Amino acid sequence: MDDTLDRLVRFRELGKVASRVTPEVLDELCAMSPATIDRYLKPHKDAHYPVALGTTKPSHILRSSIAVRTSMDALPDGGGFYELDTVAHCGHTTKGEYLYTLTMTDPRHGWTMLRAIKNKAHVHVHAALEWMRKNAPLAVTGMDFDNGSEFMNWAVIAWADTHNIQVTRGRPYTHNDNAHVEQRNGDWVRKHAYRYRYETDHELQLLNELWRLVEQRKNHLLPCVKVIGTKASRSGRKRAIYDKPEPPYSRLMRSGLLDERTRAKLAAVHETLNPARITRRINQIQQQLIELAAARTQGTRPAA
């Protein structure tokens, strides 16, 4: 939190409360426990959204030729390994055309990239994969995904072979095999774009602008924790041990895996980020998406 507070003060974003923000107040905020923060913020987070449908269906194509990676397997050495998944913005029904978001996350460092696409046709999935490959801070050397047909097809496998990318898949109906990207689907995609239906080119543009801002805030500014082990309590129950919270940006910068050009590029972006300005624009886009979704669903009823 100290980094975010420092940026808010530096960019003069505290507005009416600026005069009340003393060094003592800042120290108290930084010393506040996560439980206390959650308790204060709970009333603001208790918004409920309708449950959306999922569209992932196991594909039999190429299944026997692609290695299975489970949640118990260790991460590959080095960097460049990513988990991938798609989120359907279909709302209450899977009929007709609707947008998807392709999520790619690095389970070792937490760096995540999002890209909205028109549908799951190969031309759109391929374009999103190519965009992610070119913009990922670490060269993509491995991909792990579920058994959805958007990934389990000859075109995607051939593209991966062309770029020397190793491909693995999870077990059908076993979400823990892709736990990192599944978590991002909920915390990054659903919490920011909600569970409404999006279809149009205008909504596609809004989503991709939203994802750029979410990436900046989540990758650069907001710390996250990583499980580094487990320990048993006196009752024998296992508990996870987490490392010190830090943003994915910090994890990448101290990983020793980035070349100097990429380090300089990321550092330049990081220095200019204003969390308040990012949040304002995210809220504006979210309001536009809500209004567009409301206009589409006016007078309709959820599918049974």
Protein backbone atom coordinates (compact mmCIF):
# COMPACT_ATOMS: atom_id res chain seq x y z
CA MET A 1 0.00 0.00 0.00
CA ASP A 2 2.89 2.39 0.62
CA ASP A 3 3.68 2.58 -3.10
CA THR A 4 0.06 3.36 -4.01
CA LEU A 5 -0.23 6.00 -1.30
CA ASP A 6 3.02 7.58 -2.43
CA ARG A 7 1.67 7.80 -6.00
CA LEU A 8 -1.64 9.31 -4.87
CA VAL A 9 0.20 12.00 -2.93
CA ARG A 10 2.70 12.59 -5.73
CA PHE A 11 -0.03 12.96 -8.38
CA ARG A 12 -2.21 15.05 -6.02
CA GLU A 13 -5.15 12.67 -6.29
CA LEU A 14 -6.38 12.77 -2.69
CA GLY A 15 -8.75 15.68 -3.32
CA LYS A 16 -10.83 16.78 -0.33
CA VAL A 17 -9.00 14.55 2.13
CA ALA A 18 -5.51 15.76 1.17
CA SER A 19 -5.32 18.11 4.16
CA ARG A 20 -6.08 15.21 6.54
CA VAL A 21 -3.35 12.95 5.18
CA THR A 22 -0.50 13.40 7.61
CA PRO A 23 2.59 11.20 7.98
CA GLU A 24 0.90 9.64 11.03
CA VAL A 25 -2.20 8.74 9.00
CA LEU A 26 -0.08 7.22 6.24
CA ASP A 27 1.85 5.16 8.77
CA GLU A 28 -1.40 3.91 10.30
CA LEU A 29 -2.77 2.91 6.88
CA CYS A 30 0.38 1.01 5.98
CA ALA A 31 0.30 -0.79 9.32
CA MET A 32 -3.37 -1.84 8.95
CA SER A 33 -3.86 -5.60 8.70
CA PRO A 34 -5.53 -7.21 5.64
CA ALA A 35 -8.39 -8.39 7.87
CA THR A 36 -9.11 -4.85 9.03
CA ILE A 37 -8.97 -3.53 5.47
CA ASP A 38 -11.41 -6.23 4.33
CA ARG A 39 -13.76 -5.44 7.20
CA TYR A 40 -13.85 -1.72 6.34
CA LEU A 41 -14.30 -2.38 2.61
CA LYS A 42 -16.84 -5.21 2.86
CA PRO A 43 -19.96 -3.00 2.48
CA HIS A 44 -18.52 -1.66 -0.79
CA LYS A 45 -17.73 -5.12 -2.18
CA ASP A 46 -21.05 -6.84 -1.48
CA ALA A 47 -22.44 -6.32 -4.97
CA HIS A 48 -24.09 -9.37 -6.46
CA TYR A 49 -24.20 -10.15 -10.17
CA PRO A 50 -26.24 -12.76 -12.04
CA VAL A 51 -24.49 -16.05 -12.69
CA ALA A 52 -23.25 -16.42 -16.25
CA LEU A 53 -22.89 -19.60 -18.23
CA GLY A 54 -19.70 -21.41 -19.22
CA THR A 55 -18.95 -22.62 -22.73
CA THR A 56 -15.88 -24.86 -22.32
CA LYS A 57 -16.54 -28.30 -23.76
CA PRO A 58 -13.95 -31.10 -23.83
CA SER A 59 -12.58 -31.69 -27.30
CA HIS A 60 -11.41 -35.10 -28.50
CA ILE A 61 -9.21 -33.58 -31.21
CA LEU A 62 -5.49 -34.07 -30.54
CA ARG A 63 -6.20 -35.06 -26.93
CA SER A 64 -4.17 -38.25 -27.05
CA SER A 65 -1.13 -36.47 -28.50
CA ILE A 66 -0.91 -33.64 -25.95
CA ALA A 67 0.75 -34.25 -22.59
CA VAL A 68 -1.34 -33.84 -19.44
CA ARG A 69 -0.17 -31.47 -16.71
CA THR A 70 -1.86 -31.70 -13.31
CA SER A 71 -2.00 -29.35 -10.33
CA MET A 72 0.55 -31.54 -8.55
CA ASP A 73 3.24 -31.10 -11.22
CA ALA A 74 6.04 -28.61 -10.56
CA LEU A 75 6.32 -25.52 -12.75
CA PRO A 76 8.91 -25.73 -15.54
CA ASP A 77 12.29 -24.19 -14.75
CA GLY A 78 12.98 -20.68 -15.97
CA GLY A 79 10.37 -18.29 -17.32
CA GLY A 80 7.98 -18.18 -20.25
CA PHE A 81 5.44 -20.78 -19.10
CA TYR A 82 1.83 -19.55 -19.15
CA GLU A 83 -1.64 -20.88 -18.36
CA LEU A 84 -4.40 -19.89 -20.80
CA ASP A 85 -8.19 -19.88 -20.70
CA THR A 86 -11.17 -18.07 -22.19
CA VAL A 87 -14.13 -16.35 -20.52
CA ALA A 88 -17.44 -16.16 -22.37
CA HIS A 89 -19.32 -12.88 -22.16
CA CYS A 90 -22.60 -14.59 -23.01
CA GLY A 91 -24.77 -13.48 -20.10
CA HIS A 92 -27.72 -15.82 -19.52
CA THR A 93 -27.70 -17.62 -22.86
CA THR A 94 -25.13 -19.13 -25.19
CA LYS A 95 -27.28 -18.58 -28.28
CA GLY A 96 -25.89 -16.37 -31.02
CA GLU A 97 -22.57 -14.52 -31.26
CA TYR A 98 -20.92 -12.94 -28.22
CA LEU A 99 -17.48 -11.78 -27.13
CA TYR A 100 -14.80 -13.73 -25.26
CA THR A 101 -11.77 -12.70 -23.22
CA LEU A 102 -8.57 -14.71 -23.58
CA THR A 103 -6.54 -14.80 -20.36
CA MET A 104 -2.85 -15.69 -20.19
CA THR A 105 -1.03 -15.74 -16.85
CA ASP A 106 2.47 -16.59 -15.68
CA PRO A 107 1.95 -18.78 -12.57
CA ARG A 108 5.51 -18.19 -11.35
CA HIS A 109 5.49 -14.38 -11.33
CA GLY A 110 1.78 -13.54 -11.60
CA TRP A 111 2.08 -11.40 -14.75
CA THR A 112 -1.22 -11.61 -16.63
CA MET A 113 -2.42 -10.45 -20.04
CA LEU A 114 -6.02 -10.11 -21.23
CA ARG A 115 -7.42 -9.77 -24.74
CA ALA A 116 -11.06 -9.55 -25.83
CA ILE A 117 -11.94 -11.36 -29.06
CA LYS A 118 -15.06 -11.47 -31.25
CA ASN A 119 -15.65 -15.21 -30.86
CA LYS A 120 -13.71 -18.47 -30.58
CA ALA A 121 -13.03 -18.78 -34.31
CA HIS A 122 -9.40 -19.63 -35.06
CA VAL A 123 -8.71 -16.31 -36.78
CA HIS A 124 -9.56 -14.38 -33.59
CA VAL A 125 -7.89 -16.81 -31.15
CA HIS A 126 -4.76 -16.85 -33.32
CA ALA A 127 -4.64 -13.03 -33.44
CA ALA A 128 -4.93 -12.82 -29.64
CA LEU A 129 -2.24 -15.46 -29.12
CA GLU A 130 0.08 -13.68 -31.51
CA TRP A 131 -0.52 -10.35 -29.74
CA MET A 132 0.27 -11.94 -26.37
CA ARG A 133 3.39 -13.64 -27.72
CA LYS A 134 4.73 -10.32 -29.01
CA ASN A 135 3.86 -8.32 -25.89
CA ALA A 136 4.72 -10.80 -23.12
CA PRO A 137 7.69 -9.62 -21.01
CA LEU A 138 9.13 -13.15 -21.07
CA ALA A 139 9.29 -15.07 -24.33
CA VAL A 140 6.51 -17.69 -24.44
CA THR A 141 8.10 -21.13 -24.22
CA GLY A 142 5.19 -23.17 -22.84
CA MET A 143 1.39 -23.03 -22.74
CA ASP A 144 -1.04 -24.98 -20.60
CA PHE A 145 -4.80 -24.89 -21.19
CA ASP A 146 -8.01 -26.81 -20.64
CA ASN A 147 -9.71 -29.08 -23.18
CA GLY A 148 -11.74 -26.39 -24.95
CA SER A 149 -11.96 -26.55 -28.72
CA GLU A 150 -10.54 -23.01 -29.05
CA PHE A 151 -7.14 -24.45 -28.02
CA MET A 152 -7.46 -28.13 -28.89
CA ASN A 153 -7.29 -27.80 -32.66
CA TRP A 154 -4.69 -28.34 -35.35
CA ALA A 155 -4.31 -24.62 -36.12
CA VAL A 156 -3.30 -23.62 -32.59
CA ILE A 157 -1.00 -26.62 -32.17
CA ALA A 158 0.68 -25.86 -35.51
CA TRP A 159 1.14 -22.22 -34.45
CA ALA A 160 2.75 -23.35 -31.20
CA ASP A 161 5.06 -25.73 -33.07
CA THR A 162 6.10 -22.93 -35.40
CA HIS A 163 7.23 -20.81 -32.44
CA ASN A 164 8.78 -23.73 -30.48
CA ILE A 165 6.17 -23.49 -27.73
CA GLN A 166 5.59 -26.62 -25.65
CA VAL A 167 1.90 -27.39 -25.14
CA THR A 168 0.23 -29.24 -22.26
CA ARG A 169 -3.38 -29.61 -21.15
CA GLY A 170 -5.27 -30.17 -17.92
CA ARG A 171 -7.64 -33.01 -17.13
CA PRO A 172 -11.28 -32.59 -18.23
CA TYR A 173 -13.52 -30.99 -15.59
CA THR A 174 -10.55 -30.53 -13.21
CA HIS A 175 -10.22 -26.77 -12.70
CA ASN A 176 -7.39 -27.09 -10.18
CA ASP A 177 -5.07 -28.12 -13.01
CA ASN A 178 -5.37 -24.53 -14.31
CA ALA A 179 -5.87 -22.89 -10.93
CA HIS A 180 -3.81 -19.74 -11.60
CA VAL A 181 -5.65 -18.70 -14.76
CA GLU A 182 -9.01 -19.71 -13.28
CA GLN A 183 -8.32 -17.33 -10.38
CA ARG A 184 -7.52 -14.53 -12.82
CA ASN A 185 -10.75 -15.22 -14.71
CA GLY A 186 -12.69 -14.48 -11.53
CA ASP A 187 -10.63 -11.71 -9.95
CA TRP A 188 -9.59 -9.87 -13.12
CA VAL A 189 -12.23 -10.57 -15.77
CA ARG A 190 -15.52 -11.16 -13.94
CA LYS A 191 -14.94 -8.52 -11.25
CA HIS A 192 -14.20 -5.85 -13.83
CA ALA A 193 -16.43 -6.76 -16.80
CA TYR A 194 -19.12 -8.42 -14.67
CA ARG A 195 -21.31 -11.24 -16.03
CA TYR A 196 -23.28 -9.40 -18.69
CA ARG A 197 -23.57 -10.18 -22.39
CA TYR A 198 -21.36 -8.28 -24.85
CA GLU A 199 -21.60 -8.60 -28.62
CA THR A 200 -20.69 -5.49 -30.59
CA ASP A 201 -17.47 -4.05 -31.99
CA HIS A 202 -17.89 -1.03 -29.70
CA GLU A 203 -18.05 -3.32 -26.67
CA LEU A 204 -14.98 -5.16 -27.98
CA GLN A 205 -13.04 -1.89 -28.07
CA LEU A 206 -14.23 -0.94 -24.58
CA LEU A 207 -13.20 -4.32 -23.17
CA ASN A 208 -9.72 -4.14 -24.66
CA GLU A 209 -9.24 -0.62 -23.29
CA LEU A 210 -10.49 -1.88 -19.93
CA TRP A 211 -8.05 -4.82 -19.99
CA ARG A 212 -5.12 -2.51 -20.72
CA LEU A 213 -5.96 -0.48 -17.61
CA VAL A 214 -6.59 -3.56 -15.47
CA GLU A 215 -3.22 -4.97 -16.54
CA GLN A 216 -1.50 -1.73 -15.54
CA ARG A 217 -3.13 -1.66 -12.13
CA LYS A 218 -2.89 -5.36 -11.30
CA ASN A 219 0.52 -6.13 -12.84
CA HIS A 220 2.32 -2.96 -11.72
CA LEU A 221 0.61 -1.55 -8.64
CA LEU A 222 -1.30 -4.17 -6.65
CA PRO A 223 0.65 -6.74 -4.62
CA CYS A 224 -0.31 -10.40 -4.58
CA VAL A 225 0.98 -13.41 -2.64
CA LYS A 226 2.36 -16.71 -3.84
CA VAL A 227 2.26 -20.05 -2.06
CA ILE A 228 5.81 -21.14 -1.23
CA GLY A 229 5.04 -24.19 0.89
CA THR A 230 2.73 -25.78 3.44
CA LYS A 231 2.86 -26.58 7.12
CA ALA A 232 0.77 -28.82 9.36
CA SER A 233 -1.12 -27.56 12.40
CA ARG A 234 -1.34 -29.49 15.63
CA SER A 235 -4.52 -31.13 14.39
CA GLY A 236 -2.70 -32.30 11.27
CA ARG A 237 -4.45 -29.92 8.92
CA LYS A 238 -2.22 -28.42 6.24
CA ARG A 239 -1.96 -24.67 5.86
CA ALA A 240 -0.41 -22.74 3.00
CA ILE A 241 2.65 -20.57 3.55
CA TYR A 242 2.76 -17.39 1.49
CA ASP A 243 5.64 -15.15 0.53
CA LYS A 244 5.79 -11.39 1.03
CA PRO A 245 3.11 -9.56 -1.01
CA GLU A 246 4.46 -7.72 -4.04
CA PRO A 247 3.20 -6.83 -7.53
CA PRO A 248 4.01 -9.11 -10.48
CA TYR A 249 6.14 -6.24 -11.83
CA SER A 250 8.47 -6.47 -8.83
CA ARG A 251 8.70 -10.25 -9.08
CA LEU A 252 9.67 -10.00 -12.74
CA MET A 253 12.20 -7.21 -12.22
CA ARG A 254 14.13 -9.19 -9.61
CA SER A 255 13.80 -12.53 -11.42
CA GLY A 256 16.95 -12.00 -13.48
CA LEU A 257 15.11 -13.27 -16.58
CA LEU A 258 14.41 -9.94 -18.31
CA ASP A 259 16.74 -8.43 -20.88
CA GLU A 260 17.81 -4.81 -20.43
CA ARG A 261 15.49 -3.47 -23.12
CA THR A 262 12.42 -5.07 -21.53
CA ARG A 263 13.48 -3.94 -18.04
CA ALA A 264 13.82 -0.36 -19.23
CA LYS A 265 10.48 -0.47 -21.03
CA LEU A 266 8.61 -1.84 -18.01
CA ALA A 267 10.32 0.61 -15.64
CA ALA A 268 9.37 3.57 -17.85
CA VAL A 269 5.72 2.50 -17.88
CA HIS A 270 5.75 1.82 -14.14
CA GLU A 271 7.03 5.31 -13.29
CA THR A 272 4.18 7.07 -15.11
CA LEU A 273 1.22 5.11 -13.68
CA ASN A 274 -1.31 7.14 -11.70
CA PRO A 275 -3.59 4.73 -9.77
CA ALA A 276 -6.38 7.26 -9.32
CA ARG A 277 -6.50 8.16 -13.00
CA ILE A 278 -6.49 4.48 -13.94
CA THR A 279 -9.35 3.77 -11.53
CA ARG A 280 -11.41 6.71 -12.83
CA ARG A 281 -11.16 5.47 -16.40
CA ILE A 282 -11.94 1.88 -15.35
CA ASN A 283 -15.09 3.12 -13.61
CA GLN A 284 -16.11 5.12 -16.69
CA ILE A 285 -15.72 2.09 -18.97
CA GLN A 286 -17.58 -0.13 -16.51
CA GLN A 287 -20.49 2.31 -16.45
CA GLN A 288 -20.62 2.28 -20.25
CA LEU A 289 -20.63 -1.53 -20.28
CA ILE A 290 -23.43 -1.61 -17.69
CA GLU A 291 -25.54 0.80 -19.74
CA LEU A 292 -24.97 -1.15 -22.96
CA ALA A 293 -25.84 -4.44 -21.26
CA ALA A 294 -28.95 -2.92 -19.69
CA ALA A 295 -30.13 -1.57 -23.05
CA ARG A 296 -29.68 -5.01 -24.63
CA THR A 297 -31.52 -6.94 -21.92
CA GLN A 298 -34.37 -4.45 -21.40
CA GLY A 299 -37.62 -6.33 -21.68
CA THR A 300 -35.96 -9.79 -21.80
CA ARG A 301 -35.82 -12.60 -19.28
CA PRO A 302 -32.93 -14.94 -18.38
CA ALA A 303 -32.94 -18.31 -20.13
CA ALA A 304 -34.32 -21.20 -18.10
